[in-house]
Amino acid sequence: MNTAAVDGRKHTEVAVGILIRDEDDALLLSTRPEGKPYAGYWEFPGGKIEAGETVEQALRRELQEELGITIAGAEVWRVTEHDYPHALVRLHWCKVRAWDGDFEMREGQAMRWQQLPLDVTPVLPGALPVLAWLAEERASGEPRAASAG
């Protein structure tokens, strides 16, 4: 992974899953656990990409660890950067429409299925541009990928 520095700070590479429920296109958000920066803020699930991992491998591992689910696959949809006080992050956003398993909040976080605009606040600042893009896609009637079933 590229860890180019900005102002002497290295990027933390993060895989993020935009889980989309098939029947109503709702988005899954969860809260950041206690003890982490921005605890209680709503976010899309995911986590750091470890050395030697692809984005998909990292997202698969993180969603298993955090939520107890196994995703069918993931492809990067967008990449953004956000400069938080505690970390400079490069976020690899993946739309995920298929998974197996029952959701378990393994880090004590809350979860909610949400339609746009969201009902939950506050939302992690790095997710705000992505929420705007998702809203634009839905407003424009952009066709979504077909799902098997």
N, C-alpha and C. Protein backbone atom coordinates (compact mmCIF):
# COMPACT_ATOMS: atom_id res chain seq x y z
N MET A 1 0.83 -1.19 0.00
CA MET A 1 0.00 0.00 0.00
C MET A 1 0.87 1.25 0.00
N ASN A 2 0.37 2.26 -0.64
CA ASN A 2 1.07 3.53 -0.69
C ASN A 2 0.89 4.25 0.65
N THR A 3 1.99 4.62 1.26
CA THR A 3 1.92 5.34 2.53
C THR A 3 2.63 6.68 2.41
N ALA A 4 2.43 7.35 1.27
CA ALA A 4 3.05 8.64 1.06
C ALA A 4 2.69 9.60 2.19
N ALA A 5 3.65 10.39 2.59
CA ALA A 5 3.44 11.30 3.71
C ALA A 5 2.89 12.64 3.23
N VAL A 6 2.06 13.25 4.04
CA VAL A 6 1.58 14.61 3.83
C VAL A 6 1.96 15.37 5.07
N ASP A 7 2.73 16.43 4.91
CA ASP A 7 3.22 17.21 6.06
C ASP A 7 3.88 16.29 7.09
N GLY A 8 4.64 15.30 6.61
CA GLY A 8 5.36 14.42 7.51
C GLY A 8 4.51 13.31 8.11
N ARG A 9 3.22 13.25 7.78
CA ARG A 9 2.32 12.22 8.31
C ARG A 9 2.05 11.20 7.23
N LYS A 10 2.08 9.93 7.60
CA LYS A 10 1.79 8.87 6.64
C LYS A 10 0.29 8.56 6.63
N HIS A 11 -0.19 8.19 5.45
CA HIS A 11 -1.59 7.75 5.33
C HIS A 11 -1.78 6.41 6.03
N THR A 12 -2.91 6.27 6.67
CA THR A 12 -3.37 4.98 7.13
C THR A 12 -4.38 4.52 6.08
N GLU A 13 -4.12 3.36 5.48
CA GLU A 13 -5.00 2.83 4.44
C GLU A 13 -6.14 2.07 5.10
N VAL A 14 -7.37 2.38 4.70
CA VAL A 14 -8.55 1.82 5.34
C VAL A 14 -9.51 1.28 4.28
N ALA A 15 -10.01 0.07 4.51
CA ALA A 15 -11.05 -0.53 3.66
C ALA A 15 -12.39 -0.29 4.33
N VAL A 16 -13.35 0.24 3.57
CA VAL A 16 -14.65 0.59 4.13
C VAL A 16 -15.76 -0.09 3.32
N GLY A 17 -16.71 -0.70 4.02
CA GLY A 17 -17.81 -1.38 3.36
C GLY A 17 -19.10 -0.57 3.42
N ILE A 18 -19.64 -0.28 2.25
CA ILE A 18 -20.96 0.33 2.17
C ILE A 18 -21.92 -0.83 1.94
N LEU A 19 -22.46 -1.39 3.02
CA LEU A 19 -23.37 -2.52 2.92
C LEU A 19 -24.75 -2.02 2.53
N ILE A 20 -25.26 -2.56 1.44
CA ILE A 20 -26.54 -2.12 0.90
C ILE A 20 -27.51 -3.29 0.93
N ARG A 21 -28.61 -3.11 1.66
CA ARG A 21 -29.62 -4.16 1.79
C ARG A 21 -30.44 -4.22 0.50
N ASP A 22 -30.53 -5.41 -0.05
CA ASP A 22 -31.13 -5.59 -1.38
C ASP A 22 -32.59 -5.15 -1.46
N GLU A 23 -33.40 -5.50 -0.46
CA GLU A 23 -34.84 -5.27 -0.60
C GLU A 23 -35.24 -3.79 -0.61
N ASP A 24 -34.45 -2.92 0.01
CA ASP A 24 -34.85 -1.51 0.07
C ASP A 24 -33.71 -0.53 -0.12
N ASP A 25 -32.52 -1.03 -0.48
CA ASP A 25 -31.34 -0.19 -0.70
C ASP A 25 -30.90 0.57 0.55
N ALA A 26 -31.31 0.12 1.74
CA ALA A 26 -30.88 0.76 2.98
C ALA A 26 -29.38 0.52 3.17
N LEU A 27 -28.74 1.46 3.85
CA LEU A 27 -27.30 1.42 4.12
C LEU A 27 -27.07 1.06 5.58
N LEU A 28 -26.06 0.23 5.84
CA LEU A 28 -25.74 -0.15 7.22
C LEU A 28 -24.70 0.81 7.79
N LEU A 29 -25.04 1.42 8.91
CA LEU A 29 -24.08 2.23 9.65
C LEU A 29 -23.98 1.68 11.05
N SER A 30 -22.81 1.87 11.66
CA SER A 30 -22.61 1.44 13.04
C SER A 30 -21.85 2.54 13.77
N THR A 31 -21.90 2.48 15.10
CA THR A 31 -21.20 3.49 15.89
C THR A 31 -19.77 3.05 16.15
N ARG A 32 -18.91 4.04 16.32
CA ARG A 32 -17.52 3.74 16.69
C ARG A 32 -17.51 3.35 18.16
N PRO A 33 -16.75 2.29 18.46
CA PRO A 33 -16.73 1.78 19.84
C PRO A 33 -16.06 2.74 20.83
N GLU A 34 -16.44 2.57 22.10
CA GLU A 34 -15.79 3.33 23.17
C GLU A 34 -14.30 3.06 23.15
N GLY A 35 -13.52 4.07 23.48
CA GLY A 35 -12.07 3.92 23.53
C GLY A 35 -11.37 4.26 22.23
N LYS A 36 -12.13 4.44 21.14
CA LYS A 36 -11.54 4.82 19.85
C LYS A 36 -11.83 6.30 19.61
N PRO A 37 -10.99 6.97 18.80
CA PRO A 37 -11.31 8.35 18.45
C PRO A 37 -12.70 8.42 17.82
N TYR A 38 -13.41 9.49 18.12
CA TYR A 38 -14.76 9.72 17.62
C TYR A 38 -15.74 8.63 18.09
N ALA A 39 -15.53 8.10 19.28
CA ALA A 39 -16.44 7.08 19.84
C ALA A 39 -17.87 7.62 19.80
N GLY A 40 -18.80 6.75 19.38
CA GLY A 40 -20.21 7.13 19.31
C GLY A 40 -20.64 7.74 17.99
N TYR A 41 -19.67 8.14 17.15
CA TYR A 41 -20.01 8.66 15.84
C TYR A 41 -20.44 7.50 14.94
N TRP A 42 -21.35 7.77 14.02
CA TRP A 42 -21.82 6.76 13.07
C TRP A 42 -20.88 6.70 11.89
N GLU A 43 -20.63 5.48 11.41
CA GLU A 43 -19.71 5.26 10.31
C GLU A 43 -20.13 4.04 9.52
N PHE A 44 -19.52 3.88 8.36
CA PHE A 44 -19.63 2.63 7.61
C PHE A 44 -18.56 1.70 8.19
N PRO A 45 -18.85 0.40 8.30
CA PRO A 45 -17.88 -0.50 8.92
C PRO A 45 -16.66 -0.75 8.04
N GLY A 46 -15.56 -1.10 8.69
CA GLY A 46 -14.32 -1.39 7.98
C GLY A 46 -13.14 -1.21 8.91
N GLY A 47 -11.97 -1.12 8.34
CA GLY A 47 -10.79 -0.94 9.17
C GLY A 47 -9.50 -0.92 8.37
N LYS A 48 -8.42 -0.86 9.11
CA LYS A 48 -7.09 -0.73 8.51
C LYS A 48 -6.74 -1.91 7.62
N ILE A 49 -6.05 -1.57 6.53
CA ILE A 49 -5.52 -2.59 5.63
C ILE A 49 -4.13 -2.96 6.16
N GLU A 50 -3.95 -4.23 6.49
CA GLU A 50 -2.67 -4.70 7.02
C GLU A 50 -1.69 -4.96 5.87
N ALA A 51 -0.41 -4.99 6.20
CA ALA A 51 0.63 -5.24 5.20
C ALA A 51 0.34 -6.55 4.47
N GLY A 52 0.41 -6.50 3.14
CA GLY A 52 0.21 -7.69 2.33
C GLY A 52 -1.24 -7.99 1.99
N GLU A 53 -2.18 -7.23 2.54
CA GLU A 53 -3.60 -7.46 2.26
C GLU A 53 -4.07 -6.61 1.08
N THR A 54 -5.00 -7.14 0.31
CA THR A 54 -5.70 -6.33 -0.67
C THR A 54 -6.84 -5.62 0.07
N VAL A 55 -7.46 -4.67 -0.60
CA VAL A 55 -8.62 -3.99 -0.01
C VAL A 55 -9.70 -5.02 0.32
N GLU A 56 -9.99 -5.92 -0.62
CA GLU A 56 -11.04 -6.90 -0.39
C GLU A 56 -10.70 -7.83 0.78
N GLN A 57 -9.45 -8.26 0.88
CA GLN A 57 -9.06 -9.14 1.99
C GLN A 57 -9.22 -8.41 3.33
N ALA A 58 -8.80 -7.16 3.37
CA ALA A 58 -8.92 -6.38 4.60
C ALA A 58 -10.37 -6.18 4.99
N LEU A 59 -11.21 -5.85 4.01
CA LEU A 59 -12.62 -5.63 4.30
C LEU A 59 -13.28 -6.92 4.77
N ARG A 60 -12.95 -8.03 4.13
CA ARG A 60 -13.50 -9.32 4.53
C ARG A 60 -13.12 -9.62 5.99
N ARG A 61 -11.86 -9.41 6.35
CA ARG A 61 -11.38 -9.66 7.71
C ARG A 61 -12.08 -8.73 8.72
N GLU A 62 -12.11 -7.46 8.40
CA GLU A 62 -12.69 -6.47 9.32
C GLU A 62 -14.17 -6.72 9.57
N LEU A 63 -14.92 -7.03 8.52
CA LEU A 63 -16.36 -7.25 8.70
C LEU A 63 -16.63 -8.53 9.46
N GLN A 64 -15.78 -9.52 9.32
CA GLN A 64 -15.90 -10.74 10.11
C GLN A 64 -15.61 -10.43 11.58
N GLU A 65 -14.53 -9.66 11.83
CA GLU A 65 -14.14 -9.32 13.21
C GLU A 65 -15.17 -8.42 13.89
N GLU A 66 -15.68 -7.43 13.18
CA GLU A 66 -16.57 -6.43 13.78
C GLU A 66 -18.03 -6.86 13.81
N LEU A 67 -18.50 -7.49 12.72
CA LEU A 67 -19.92 -7.74 12.55
C LEU A 67 -20.30 -9.22 12.49
N GLY A 68 -19.31 -10.10 12.35
CA GLY A 68 -19.60 -11.53 12.30
C GLY A 68 -20.17 -12.00 10.97
N ILE A 69 -20.00 -11.22 9.91
CA ILE A 69 -20.51 -11.61 8.60
C ILE A 69 -19.35 -11.90 7.65
N THR A 70 -19.65 -12.66 6.60
CA THR A 70 -18.67 -12.94 5.55
C THR A 70 -19.22 -12.38 4.25
N ILE A 71 -18.46 -11.46 3.66
CA ILE A 71 -18.92 -10.83 2.42
C ILE A 71 -18.61 -11.73 1.24
N ALA A 72 -19.45 -11.61 0.20
CA ALA A 72 -19.25 -12.39 -1.03
C ALA A 72 -18.07 -11.83 -1.83
N GLY A 73 -17.89 -10.53 -1.79
CA GLY A 73 -16.82 -9.89 -2.54
C GLY A 73 -16.93 -8.39 -2.41
N ALA A 74 -15.89 -7.71 -2.86
CA ALA A 74 -15.90 -6.25 -2.77
C ALA A 74 -14.97 -5.68 -3.83
N GLU A 75 -15.41 -4.63 -4.48
CA GLU A 75 -14.57 -3.90 -5.41
C GLU A 75 -14.59 -2.44 -4.98
N VAL A 76 -13.44 -1.79 -5.12
CA VAL A 76 -13.35 -0.38 -4.73
C VAL A 76 -14.21 0.45 -5.68
N TRP A 77 -15.06 1.28 -5.07
CA TRP A 77 -15.95 2.16 -5.80
C TRP A 77 -15.35 3.56 -5.90
N ARG A 78 -14.86 4.08 -4.79
CA ARG A 78 -14.24 5.40 -4.71
C ARG A 78 -13.11 5.35 -3.69
N VAL A 79 -12.17 6.29 -3.81
CA VAL A 79 -11.12 6.44 -2.83
C VAL A 79 -11.09 7.91 -2.41
N THR A 80 -11.12 8.15 -1.10
CA THR A 80 -11.06 9.51 -0.58
C THR A 80 -9.97 9.58 0.47
N GLU A 81 -9.61 10.80 0.83
CA GLU A 81 -8.68 11.01 1.93
C GLU A 81 -9.33 11.95 2.93
N HIS A 82 -9.02 11.73 4.19
CA HIS A 82 -9.51 12.64 5.22
C HIS A 82 -8.41 12.82 6.26
N ASP A 83 -8.21 14.06 6.67
CA ASP A 83 -7.18 14.38 7.65
C ASP A 83 -7.84 14.62 9.00
N TYR A 84 -7.86 13.56 9.82
CA TYR A 84 -8.37 13.67 11.19
C TYR A 84 -7.22 14.12 12.08
N PRO A 85 -7.51 14.71 13.24
CA PRO A 85 -6.44 15.08 14.16
C PRO A 85 -5.57 13.89 14.57
N HIS A 86 -6.17 12.71 14.67
CA HIS A 86 -5.43 11.53 15.14
C HIS A 86 -4.83 10.70 14.00
N ALA A 87 -5.25 10.93 12.75
CA ALA A 87 -4.75 10.11 11.64
C ALA A 87 -5.10 10.72 10.29
N LEU A 88 -4.19 10.58 9.36
CA LEU A 88 -4.42 10.93 7.96
C LEU A 88 -4.80 9.62 7.28
N VAL A 89 -6.04 9.52 6.80
CA VAL A 89 -6.53 8.25 6.27
C VAL A 89 -6.84 8.34 4.79
N ARG A 90 -6.57 7.24 4.11
CA ARG A 90 -7.01 7.05 2.73
C ARG A 90 -8.05 5.95 2.78
N LEU A 91 -9.28 6.30 2.41
CA LEU A 91 -10.43 5.41 2.56
C LEU A 91 -10.78 4.78 1.22
N HIS A 92 -10.78 3.46 1.17
CA HIS A 92 -11.12 2.70 -0.02
C HIS A 92 -12.56 2.20 0.15
N TRP A 93 -13.51 2.88 -0.50
CA TRP A 93 -14.94 2.64 -0.32
C TRP A 93 -15.40 1.53 -1.26
N CYS A 94 -16.03 0.51 -0.71
CA CYS A 94 -16.51 -0.64 -1.49
C CYS A 94 -18.00 -0.83 -1.24
N LYS A 95 -18.78 -0.93 -2.32
CA LYS A 95 -20.19 -1.27 -2.18
C LYS A 95 -20.30 -2.78 -2.03
N VAL A 96 -21.05 -3.22 -1.03
CA VAL A 96 -21.21 -4.65 -0.75
C VAL A 96 -22.70 -4.95 -0.70
N ARG A 97 -23.14 -5.88 -1.54
CA ARG A 97 -24.57 -6.22 -1.60
C ARG A 97 -24.85 -7.66 -1.19
N ALA A 98 -23.80 -8.46 -0.96
CA ALA A 98 -24.03 -9.86 -0.62
C ALA A 98 -23.11 -10.28 0.52
N TRP A 99 -23.71 -10.94 1.51
CA TRP A 99 -22.95 -11.44 2.66
C TRP A 99 -23.70 -12.61 3.26
N ASP A 100 -22.98 -13.36 4.08
CA ASP A 100 -23.56 -14.48 4.81
C ASP A 100 -23.35 -14.25 6.30
N GLY A 101 -24.27 -14.80 7.10
CA GLY A 101 -24.14 -14.72 8.55
C GLY A 101 -25.11 -13.73 9.15
N ASP A 102 -25.25 -13.83 10.47
CA ASP A 102 -26.11 -12.92 11.22
C ASP A 102 -25.24 -11.84 11.83
N PHE A 103 -25.74 -10.62 11.81
CA PHE A 103 -24.97 -9.50 12.35
C PHE A 103 -24.81 -9.63 13.86
N GLU A 104 -23.57 -9.53 14.31
CA GLU A 104 -23.21 -9.53 15.73
C GLU A 104 -22.36 -8.29 15.96
N MET A 105 -22.76 -7.46 16.87
CA MET A 105 -21.97 -6.26 17.15
C MET A 105 -20.85 -6.64 18.13
N ARG A 106 -19.75 -7.13 17.58
CA ARG A 106 -18.68 -7.73 18.37
C ARG A 106 -17.82 -6.73 19.12
N GLU A 107 -17.98 -5.42 18.84
CA GLU A 107 -17.21 -4.40 19.56
C GLU A 107 -18.12 -3.53 20.42
N GLY A 108 -19.34 -4.02 20.66
CA GLY A 108 -20.28 -3.27 21.50
C GLY A 108 -20.90 -2.08 20.80
N GLN A 109 -20.77 -2.02 19.49
CA GLN A 109 -21.30 -0.88 18.75
C GLN A 109 -22.79 -1.07 18.46
N ALA A 110 -23.45 0.03 18.15
CA ALA A 110 -24.84 -0.02 17.70
C ALA A 110 -24.83 -0.08 16.18
N MET A 111 -25.90 -0.61 15.58
CA MET A 111 -26.02 -0.60 14.13
C MET A 111 -27.42 -0.19 13.73
N ARG A 112 -27.53 0.44 12.58
CA ARG A 112 -28.84 0.83 12.06
C ARG A 112 -28.82 0.77 10.54
N TRP A 113 -29.90 0.27 9.97
CA TRP A 113 -30.12 0.38 8.53
C TRP A 113 -30.72 1.75 8.29
N GLN A 114 -30.19 2.47 7.32
CA GLN A 114 -30.59 3.85 7.09
C GLN A 114 -30.90 4.11 5.63
N GLN A 115 -31.89 4.96 5.42
CA GLN A 115 -32.16 5.52 4.10
C GLN A 115 -31.53 6.91 4.06
N LEU A 116 -31.33 7.45 2.87
CA LEU A 116 -30.83 8.82 2.74
C LEU A 116 -32.01 9.77 2.67
N PRO A 117 -31.94 10.92 3.32
CA PRO A 117 -30.89 11.34 4.24
C PRO A 117 -30.94 10.54 5.55
N LEU A 118 -29.79 10.45 6.20
CA LEU A 118 -29.67 9.65 7.41
C LEU A 118 -30.46 10.24 8.57
N ASP A 119 -30.92 9.34 9.44
CA ASP A 119 -31.57 9.76 10.69
C ASP A 119 -30.58 9.85 11.84
N VAL A 120 -29.41 9.21 11.69
CA VAL A 120 -28.46 9.13 12.80
C VAL A 120 -27.44 10.27 12.72
N THR A 121 -27.03 10.75 13.89
CA THR A 121 -25.98 11.76 13.99
C THR A 121 -25.23 11.53 15.30
N PRO A 122 -24.01 11.99 15.42
CA PRO A 122 -23.19 12.58 14.37
C PRO A 122 -22.58 11.50 13.49
N VAL A 123 -22.24 11.87 12.27
CA VAL A 123 -21.62 10.95 11.31
C VAL A 123 -20.14 11.32 11.20
N LEU A 124 -19.30 10.30 11.12
CA LEU A 124 -17.86 10.52 10.98
C LEU A 124 -17.60 11.42 9.77
N PRO A 125 -16.82 12.50 9.93
CA PRO A 125 -16.63 13.46 8.84
C PRO A 125 -16.13 12.86 7.53
N GLY A 126 -15.30 11.84 7.60
CA GLY A 126 -14.77 11.23 6.37
C GLY A 126 -15.83 10.57 5.51
N ALA A 127 -17.00 10.28 6.08
CA ALA A 127 -18.08 9.63 5.33
C ALA A 127 -18.98 10.63 4.61
N LEU A 128 -18.90 11.90 4.95
CA LEU A 128 -19.83 12.88 4.40
C LEU A 128 -19.78 13.00 2.88
N PRO A 129 -18.59 13.05 2.25
CA PRO A 129 -18.59 13.12 0.78
C PRO A 129 -19.23 11.89 0.15
N VAL A 130 -19.02 10.73 0.72
CA VAL A 130 -19.58 9.49 0.18
C VAL A 130 -21.10 9.49 0.29
N LEU A 131 -21.62 9.97 1.39
CA LEU A 131 -23.08 10.07 1.54
C LEU A 131 -23.66 11.00 0.47
N ALA A 132 -22.96 12.09 0.17
CA ALA A 132 -23.42 13.01 -0.88
C ALA A 132 -23.40 12.32 -2.24
N TRP A 133 -22.35 11.55 -2.55
CA TRP A 133 -22.28 10.84 -3.84
C TRP A 133 -23.38 9.80 -3.94
N LEU A 134 -23.63 9.08 -2.87
CA LEU A 134 -24.70 8.07 -2.88
C LEU A 134 -26.05 8.74 -3.13
N ALA A 135 -26.27 9.88 -2.48
CA ALA A 135 -27.53 10.61 -2.66
C ALA A 135 -27.66 11.08 -4.11
N GLU A 136 -26.56 11.58 -4.71
CA GLU A 136 -26.59 12.02 -6.11
C GLU A 136 -26.91 10.85 -7.03
N GLU A 137 -26.29 9.70 -6.79
CA GLU A 137 -26.56 8.51 -7.60
C GLU A 137 -28.04 8.14 -7.56
N ARG A 138 -28.58 8.15 -6.36
CA ARG A 138 -29.98 7.74 -6.20
C ARG A 138 -30.92 8.77 -6.82
N ALA A 139 -30.57 10.05 -6.70
CA ALA A 139 -31.41 11.11 -7.27
C ALA A 139 -31.39 11.06 -8.79
N SER A 140 -30.26 10.68 -9.37
CA SER A 140 -30.14 10.65 -10.82
C SER A 140 -30.74 9.38 -11.41
N GLY A 141 -31.12 8.44 -10.53
CA GLY A 141 -31.70 7.19 -11.00
C GLY A 141 -30.67 6.29 -11.66
N GLU A 142 -29.40 6.51 -11.32
CA GLU A 142 -28.33 5.68 -11.87
C GLU A 142 -28.62 4.22 -11.58
N PRO A 143 -28.57 3.39 -12.59
CA PRO A 143 -28.88 1.98 -12.35
C PRO A 143 -27.85 1.34 -11.42
N ARG A 144 -28.34 0.52 -10.51
CA ARG A 144 -27.43 -0.19 -9.63
C ARG A 144 -27.09 -1.52 -10.26
N ALA A 145 -25.99 -2.07 -9.81
CA ALA A 145 -25.58 -3.39 -10.35
C ALA A 145 -26.67 -4.41 -10.06
N ALA A 146 -26.92 -5.26 -11.01
CA ALA A 146 -27.90 -6.32 -10.81
C ALA A 146 -27.39 -7.31 -9.79
N SER A 147 -28.27 -7.83 -8.99
CA SER A 147 -27.85 -8.84 -8.00
C SER A 147 -28.45 -10.18 -8.37
N ALA A 148 -27.74 -11.20 -7.99
CA ALA A 148 -28.24 -12.55 -8.26
C ALA A 148 -29.39 -12.87 -7.32
N GLY A 149 -30.31 -13.70 -7.76
CA GLY A 149 -31.34 -14.09 -6.81
C GLY A 149 -32.62 -14.34 -7.39
